[in-house]
Amino acid sequence: MSFPTTLGPWFVVQRLRYDDVDKILGQEFYQTDEEGGAIWTPLKSEASLFMSLAAAARVAGALVGEVRALTTKEEAKEFNR
């Protein structure tokens, strides 16, 4: 698999995690729910990567998340890819 580029970005679905009084605790990342487990993880290495903006946008819209585009090798390394 090649690295993401400006012309061929990868996409991650993420959201902010809050406590009970609206204090931001950190970010969570969407992971594929293959075994009926949690679909949000705080671990970047477990985040699902999308090659299609349309697919990432469908997931983000359904789960109230946001789409982040990865366009460089360094951004891919942030997600251990």
C-alpha atoms as a PDB file:
ATOM      1  CA  MET A   1       0.000   0.000   0.000  1.00  0.00           C
ATOM      2  CA  SER A   2       1.357   3.412  -0.917  1.00  0.00           C
ATOM      3  CA  PHE A   3       1.268   6.482   1.288  1.00  0.00           C
ATOM      4  CA  PRO A   4      -1.435   9.148   1.024  1.00  0.00           C
ATOM      5  CA  THR A   5      -0.899  12.154  -1.219  1.00  0.00           C
ATOM      6  CA  THR A   6      -2.779  15.324  -2.016  1.00  0.00           C
ATOM      7  CA  LEU A   7      -4.256  13.612  -5.082  1.00  0.00           C
ATOM      8  CA  GLY A   8      -4.902  10.337  -3.264  1.00  0.00           C
ATOM      9  CA  PRO A   9      -5.693  11.124   0.375  1.00  0.00           C
ATOM     10  CA  TRP A  10      -6.778   8.707   3.074  1.00  0.00           C
ATOM     11  CA  PHE A  11      -9.646   9.618   5.379  1.00  0.00           C
ATOM     12  CA  VAL A  12     -10.311   9.022   9.083  1.00  0.00           C
ATOM     13  CA  VAL A  13     -13.590   9.587  10.931  1.00  0.00           C
ATOM     14  CA  GLN A  14     -13.099  11.192  14.338  1.00  0.00           C
ATOM     15  CA  ARG A  15     -14.992  13.036  17.045  1.00  0.00           C
ATOM     16  CA  LEU A  16     -14.241  14.827  20.300  1.00  0.00           C
ATOM     17  CA  ARG A  17     -14.942  13.010  23.562  1.00  0.00           C
ATOM     18  CA  TYR A  18     -16.560  15.014  26.376  1.00  0.00           C
ATOM     19  CA  ASP A  19     -17.175  14.392  30.070  1.00  0.00           C
ATOM     20  CA  ASP A  20     -20.489  15.101  31.813  1.00  0.00           C
ATOM     21  CA  VAL A  21     -19.900  18.874  32.045  1.00  0.00           C
ATOM     22  CA  ASP A  22     -18.787  19.446  28.435  1.00  0.00           C
ATOM     23  CA  LYS A  23     -15.057  19.355  29.151  1.00  0.00           C
ATOM     24  CA  ILE A  24     -13.094  17.964  26.201  1.00  0.00           C
ATOM     25  CA  LEU A  25     -11.312  14.746  27.184  1.00  0.00           C
ATOM     26  CA  GLY A  26      -9.704  13.968  23.833  1.00  0.00           C
ATOM     27  CA  GLN A  27     -10.400  12.497  20.445  1.00  0.00           C
ATOM     28  CA  GLU A  28     -11.976   9.208  19.447  1.00  0.00           C
ATOM     29  CA  PHE A  29     -11.593   7.480  16.105  1.00  0.00           C
ATOM     30  CA  TYR A  30     -14.014   5.236  14.230  1.00  0.00           C
ATOM     31  CA  GLN A  31     -13.038   1.599  13.907  1.00  0.00           C
ATOM     32  CA  THR A  32     -14.874  -1.066  11.950  1.00  0.00           C
ATOM     33  CA  ASP A  33     -17.358  -2.886  14.157  1.00  0.00           C
ATOM     34  CA  GLU A  34     -16.618  -6.470  13.092  1.00  0.00           C
ATOM     35  CA  GLU A  35     -17.385  -8.327  16.307  1.00  0.00           C
ATOM     36  CA  GLY A  36     -20.117  -6.232  17.875  1.00  0.00           C
ATOM     37  CA  GLY A  37     -17.677  -4.270  20.038  1.00  0.00           C
ATOM     38  CA  ALA A  38     -17.190  -0.560  20.510  1.00  0.00           C
ATOM     39  CA  ILE A  39     -16.957   1.464  17.340  1.00  0.00           C
ATOM     40  CA  TRP A  40     -15.026   4.416  18.838  1.00  0.00           C
ATOM     41  CA  THR A  41     -11.465   4.050  20.063  1.00  0.00           C
ATOM     42  CA  PRO A  42      -9.027   6.577  21.540  1.00  0.00           C
ATOM     43  CA  LEU A  43      -6.149   4.682  19.874  1.00  0.00           C
ATOM     44  CA  LYS A  44      -5.079   6.127  16.538  1.00  0.00           C
ATOM     45  CA  SER A  45      -3.488   2.823  15.538  1.00  0.00           C
ATOM     46  CA  GLU A  46      -6.930   1.145  15.618  1.00  0.00           C
ATOM     47  CA  ALA A  47      -8.686   3.773  13.501  1.00  0.00           C
ATOM     48  CA  SER A  48     -10.246   2.630  10.241  1.00  0.00           C
ATOM     49  CA  LEU A  49      -8.816   4.292   7.145  1.00  0.00           C
ATOM     50  CA  PHE A  50     -11.055   5.104   4.211  1.00  0.00           C
ATOM     51  CA  MET A  51      -9.807   5.533   0.666  1.00  0.00           C
ATOM     52  CA  SER A  52     -13.110   7.126  -0.378  1.00  0.00           C
ATOM     53  CA  LEU A  53     -14.355  10.493   0.846  1.00  0.00           C
ATOM     54  CA  ALA A  54     -17.930   9.408   0.122  1.00  0.00           C
ATOM     55  CA  ALA A  55     -17.639   6.346   2.394  1.00  0.00           C
ATOM     56  CA  ALA A  56     -16.017   8.355   5.203  1.00  0.00           C
ATOM     57  CA  ALA A  57     -18.678  11.061   4.903  1.00  0.00           C
ATOM     58  CA  ARG A  58     -21.497   8.475   5.146  1.00  0.00           C
ATOM     59  CA  VAL A  59     -20.026   7.057   8.361  1.00  0.00           C
ATOM     60  CA  ALA A  60     -19.349  10.510   9.825  1.00  0.00           C
ATOM     61  CA  GLY A  61     -22.868  11.658   9.016  1.00  0.00           C
ATOM     62  CA  ALA A  62     -24.475   8.588  10.549  1.00  0.00           C
ATOM     63  CA  LEU A  63     -22.374   8.727  13.722  1.00  0.00           C
ATOM     64  CA  VAL A  64     -22.052  12.498  14.206  1.00  0.00           C
ATOM     65  CA  GLY A  65     -18.336  12.563  13.513  1.00  0.00           C
ATOM     66  CA  GLU A  66     -16.054  14.557  11.274  1.00  0.00           C
ATOM     67  CA  VAL A  67     -13.809  13.509   8.410  1.00  0.00           C
ATOM     68  CA  ARG A  68     -10.075  14.195   8.506  1.00  0.00           C
ATOM     69  CA  ALA A  69      -7.996  13.893   5.342  1.00  0.00           C
ATOM     70  CA  LEU A  70      -4.480  12.461   5.560  1.00  0.00           C
ATOM     71  CA  THR A  71      -2.296  13.714   2.712  1.00  0.00           C
ATOM     72  CA  THR A  72       1.309  13.040   3.745  1.00  0.00           C
ATOM     73  CA  LYS A  73       3.501  10.176   4.851  1.00  0.00           C
ATOM     74  CA  GLU A  74       3.953  11.887   8.230  1.00  0.00           C
ATOM     75  CA  GLU A  75       0.190  12.003   8.825  1.00  0.00           C
ATOM     76  CA  ALA A  76      -0.022   8.293   7.992  1.00  0.00           C
ATOM     77  CA  LYS A  77       2.732   7.581  10.545  1.00  0.00           C
ATOM     78  CA  GLU A  78       0.613   9.341  13.181  1.00  0.00           C
ATOM     79  CA  PHE A  79      -1.868   6.474  12.694  1.00  0.00           C
ATOM     80  CA  ASN A  80       0.915   3.837  12.632  1.00  0.00           C
ATOM     81  CA  ARG A  81       0.497   3.157   8.931  1.00  0.00           C
END
